[in-house]
Each structure stands twice: as C-alpha cells, then as structure tokens.
C-alpha cells in the first residue's frame, strides 16, 4: 500500500513530473475561480471540501494527470450547478516542492558541497519541466542537518546566507526562463 500525502493522488504534468496534490492548493484554485465568478466564499469553501473528499475518498488512482485533474474538478463543479466557476478555473499545475532538509540528509557525509549540487540539480529539473511556482520547505531543518556533519565548517549564518544566495540565483534564472516564476521558502 502506498501512503499518499493528505490521501490525495499525485499529480503528473506533461513531462511526467509528479507533484503531491495538497488541499490548500486545491482550495485556493476553487476560491480564486469562485471569486471571479462572484460565488460567495462560504459556498466555495464547502465545494472545495467536497472536492477534496471526492479525491481523498472516492478517487481510486494514486496518480492523476494534471489535465485530467482539472477536467474532473470542472466536471464536479458543473454537476453541482457551478459551471461559471468551472469556466474560471486556473489550469496551471500545483507548485513543485523541494524539501531542503531531505536534500541535506541525502547529501549525508558529502556535506555542503553535495547538498548544493543536489539542490542545483533539483532546481534545474523543476525549471526544465516548466513549473511556475516552487515551494522550498524545511529551511531551518536543512541548516541543522548540514551542521550535524563533520565536513561542515560553516556557521549557521554562513550556511543560511549560502542557501539564500542559491535560492536567489534560482529566482533570477527562473524569471529569465519563464514568464511567471515564484519561489516561496518555508
């Protein structure tokens, strides 16, 4: 048995990149479309919860194509009489995610150099698949993990600055490559 985050299927984009589907993202898509269609918030919140329940309890697959996910959401919205919301639904895929603490663990005894190499590779993959949004989480845990290894001669401040510099470089490259590119650090 496969344990899926939030019991939602993974979303596959055109390049076969898998991204976890998260309730917050799904809810925000529906709220944004509802705002554009002038549907009250209390209605759209209930609808978002219902669609979440459908995908977490009734959808039988563990992976769904991005287009199929959006088609299914639009179909569900139309079934309950919210065709105006389905017409306004943004079809961009969910944000790509990188857990910095996981990368630091994978770097292991390779320390900072290995970590930065892994981070650069992951970021390049994400830019190549055309994500418009990237969420980097586990920032503080990443620094702690890197400090655990003997090869790390940098202070917490130096590590934080180096990682922030790498993230800023990713932002610059992303903004050049893509018309819209947002990076959020958590």
Protein backbone atom coordinates (compact mmCIF):
# COMPACT_ATOMS: atom_id res chain seq x y z
CA UNK A 1 0.00 0.00 0.00
CA UNK A 2 1.21 3.50 -0.85
CA UNK A 3 0.70 6.29 1.68
CA UNK A 4 -0.21 9.49 -0.14
CA UNK A 5 0.03 12.95 1.41
CA UNK A 6 -3.44 14.06 2.58
CA UNK A 7 -4.83 10.92 0.85
CA UNK A 8 -4.83 12.81 -2.45
CA UNK A 9 -3.38 11.42 -5.68
CA UNK A 10 -0.05 12.61 -7.01
CA UNK A 11 -0.38 14.95 -10.00
CA UNK A 12 1.57 14.16 -13.17
CA UNK A 13 2.32 17.02 -15.57
CA UNK A 14 3.17 16.83 -19.28
CA UNK A 15 6.80 15.92 -18.55
CA UNK A 16 5.84 13.03 -16.22
CA UNK A 17 6.95 15.02 -13.16
CA UNK A 18 4.93 14.03 -10.07
CA UNK A 19 3.81 16.63 -7.54
CA UNK A 20 1.79 16.00 -4.39
CA UNK A 21 -1.72 17.41 -4.52
CA UNK A 22 -2.40 19.46 -1.42
CA UNK A 23 -5.72 20.61 -0.07
CA UNK A 24 -4.53 24.22 0.35
CA UNK A 25 -3.65 24.43 -3.36
CA UNK A 26 -6.92 22.78 -4.43
CA UNK A 27 -8.94 25.05 -2.14
CA UNK A 28 -7.17 28.19 -3.39
CA UNK A 29 -7.84 27.26 -7.05
CA UNK A 30 -11.54 26.89 -6.31
CA UNK A 31 -11.69 30.07 -4.21
CA UNK A 32 -9.96 32.09 -6.94
CA UNK A 33 -12.34 30.78 -9.62
CA UNK A 34 -15.31 31.39 -7.33
CA UNK A 35 -14.22 34.99 -6.70
CA UNK A 36 -14.04 35.60 -10.44
CA UNK A 37 -17.50 34.05 -10.88
CA UNK A 38 -18.97 36.06 -7.96
CA UNK A 39 -19.82 32.96 -5.92
CA UNK A 40 -19.92 33.56 -2.13
CA UNK A 41 -16.94 32.34 -0.10
CA UNK A 42 -19.00 30.10 2.17
CA UNK A 43 -20.27 28.22 -0.91
CA UNK A 44 -16.85 27.85 -2.48
CA UNK A 45 -15.31 26.66 0.81
CA UNK A 46 -17.95 23.93 1.06
CA UNK A 47 -17.39 22.99 -2.57
CA UNK A 48 -13.61 22.82 -2.05
CA UNK A 49 -14.09 20.50 0.93
CA UNK A 50 -16.44 18.31 -1.10
CA UNK A 51 -14.00 18.05 -3.99
CA UNK A 52 -11.22 17.23 -1.53
CA UNK A 53 -13.39 14.47 -0.04
CA UNK A 54 -14.04 13.10 -3.51
CA UNK A 55 -10.33 12.87 -4.37
CA UNK A 56 -9.31 11.59 -0.94
CA UNK A 57 -12.10 9.01 -0.51
CA UNK A 58 -13.59 8.11 -3.90
CA UNK A 59 -10.86 8.58 -6.49
CA UNK A 60 -9.29 5.15 -6.95
CA UNK A 61 -5.97 6.05 -8.57
CA UNK A 62 -2.76 7.11 -6.89
CA UNK A 63 -1.66 9.34 -9.80
CA UNK A 64 -3.72 11.68 -11.96
CA UNK A 65 -2.62 13.71 -14.99
CA UNK A 66 -2.81 17.46 -14.44
CA UNK A 67 -5.26 17.92 -17.31
CA UNK A 68 -7.43 15.05 -16.07
CA UNK A 69 -7.47 16.56 -12.57
CA UNK A 70 -8.67 19.90 -13.89
CA UNK A 71 -11.23 18.23 -16.16
CA UNK A 72 -12.53 16.21 -13.20
CA UNK A 73 -12.79 19.32 -11.00
CA UNK A 74 -14.64 21.18 -13.78
CA UNK A 75 -16.98 18.23 -14.24
CA UNK A 76 -17.73 18.11 -10.50
CA UNK A 77 -18.37 21.86 -10.44
CA UNK A 78 -20.77 21.59 -13.40
CA UNK A 79 -22.63 18.68 -11.75
CA UNK A 80 -23.48 20.86 -8.76
CA UNK A 81 -24.53 23.83 -10.86
CA UNK A 82 -21.34 25.90 -10.69
CA UNK A 83 -20.49 25.99 -14.39
CA UNK A 84 -19.46 29.65 -14.05
CA UNK A 85 -16.79 28.59 -11.53
CA UNK A 86 -15.56 25.76 -13.76
CA UNK A 87 -15.10 28.24 -16.62
CA UNK A 88 -12.86 30.43 -14.43
CA UNK A 89 -10.70 27.60 -13.03
CA UNK A 90 -6.98 28.23 -13.49
CA UNK A 91 -5.45 25.17 -15.17
CA UNK A 92 -1.83 25.65 -14.07
CA UNK A 93 -0.37 22.65 -12.22
CA UNK A 94 0.41 22.78 -8.49
CA UNK A 95 3.69 24.21 -7.26
CA UNK A 96 6.73 21.99 -7.38
CA UNK A 97 8.18 21.27 -3.95
CA UNK A 98 11.69 20.66 -2.69
CA UNK A 99 12.29 19.69 0.90
CA UNK A 100 15.66 21.20 1.74
CA UNK A 101 16.07 19.04 4.86
CA UNK A 102 15.61 15.89 2.73
CA UNK A 103 18.29 17.12 0.35
CA UNK A 104 20.64 17.76 3.27
CA UNK A 105 20.02 14.19 4.51
CA UNK A 106 20.72 12.82 1.03
CA UNK A 107 23.93 14.82 0.90
CA UNK A 108 24.99 12.95 4.04
CA UNK A 109 28.70 12.99 4.71
CA UNK A 110 29.22 14.86 1.41
CA UNK A 111 28.14 17.92 3.38
CA UNK A 112 27.57 21.32 1.91
CA UNK A 113 29.16 20.68 -1.49
CA UNK A 114 26.99 17.63 -2.05
CA UNK A 115 23.91 19.48 -0.80
CA UNK A 116 24.43 22.42 -3.17
CA UNK A 117 24.99 20.04 -6.07
CA UNK A 118 21.75 18.19 -5.27
CA UNK A 119 19.85 21.47 -4.88
CA UNK A 120 21.14 22.78 -8.20
CA UNK A 121 20.12 19.53 -9.95
CA UNK A 122 16.63 19.58 -8.45
CA UNK A 123 16.14 23.24 -9.33
CA UNK A 124 17.27 22.61 -12.90
CA UNK A 125 14.78 19.73 -13.19
CA UNK A 126 11.99 21.99 -11.96
CA UNK A 127 12.89 24.78 -14.38
CA UNK A 128 13.08 22.25 -17.22
CA UNK A 129 9.59 20.94 -16.52
CA UNK A 130 8.21 24.48 -16.57
CA UNK A 131 6.84 24.93 -13.05
CA UNK A 132 5.55 28.41 -12.36
CA UNK A 133 5.66 28.04 -8.61
CA UNK A 134 8.25 26.40 -6.39
CA UNK A 135 7.97 25.84 -2.65
CA UNK A 136 11.18 25.18 -0.73
CA UNK A 137 10.45 23.87 2.72
CA UNK A 138 12.49 22.59 5.65
CA UNK A 139 14.90 25.55 5.51
CA UNK A 140 15.83 25.63 9.21
CA UNK A 141 15.93 21.83 9.47
CA UNK A 142 18.25 21.81 6.46
CA UNK A 143 20.76 24.06 8.21
CA UNK A 144 20.64 21.88 11.33
CA UNK A 145 21.14 18.74 9.24
CA UNK A 146 24.13 20.22 7.40
CA UNK A 147 25.68 21.33 10.71
CA UNK A 148 25.48 17.75 12.04
CA UNK A 149 28.09 16.57 9.57
CA UNK A 150 31.75 16.97 10.38
CA UNK A 151 32.51 18.31 6.90
CA UNK A 152 30.55 21.47 7.61
CA UNK A 153 32.95 24.20 8.61
CA UNK A 154 30.42 26.98 8.07
CA UNK A 155 28.50 28.77 10.79
CA UNK A 156 24.69 28.78 10.84
CA UNK A 157 24.76 32.32 9.47
CA UNK A 158 27.15 31.38 6.64
CA UNK A 159 25.05 28.36 5.69
CA UNK A 160 21.85 30.43 5.75
CA UNK A 161 23.47 33.09 3.56
CA UNK A 162 24.83 30.50 1.08
CA UNK A 163 21.44 28.75 0.76
CA UNK A 164 19.62 32.09 0.39
CA UNK A 165 22.11 33.07 -2.32
CA UNK A 166 21.45 29.81 -4.20
CA UNK A 167 17.68 30.42 -3.90
CA UNK A 168 18.04 33.98 -5.20
CA UNK A 169 20.03 32.68 -8.16
CA UNK A 170 17.24 30.18 -8.83
CA UNK A 171 14.73 33.06 -8.79
CA UNK A 172 16.81 35.04 -11.29
CA UNK A 173 17.21 32.07 -13.65
CA UNK A 174 13.52 31.16 -13.31
CA UNK A 175 12.40 34.69 -14.10
CA UNK A 176 14.55 34.70 -17.24
CA UNK A 177 13.34 31.26 -18.41
CA UNK A 178 9.64 31.56 -17.58
CA UNK A 179 7.14 34.42 -17.82
CA UNK A 180 5.90 33.76 -14.28
CA UNK A 181 8.09 32.12 -11.65
CA UNK A 182 7.51 32.33 -7.90
CA UNK A 183 9.70 30.83 -5.19
CA UNK A 184 8.42 30.52 -1.63
CA UNK A 185 10.66 29.45 1.25
CA UNK A 186 9.07 27.86 4.31
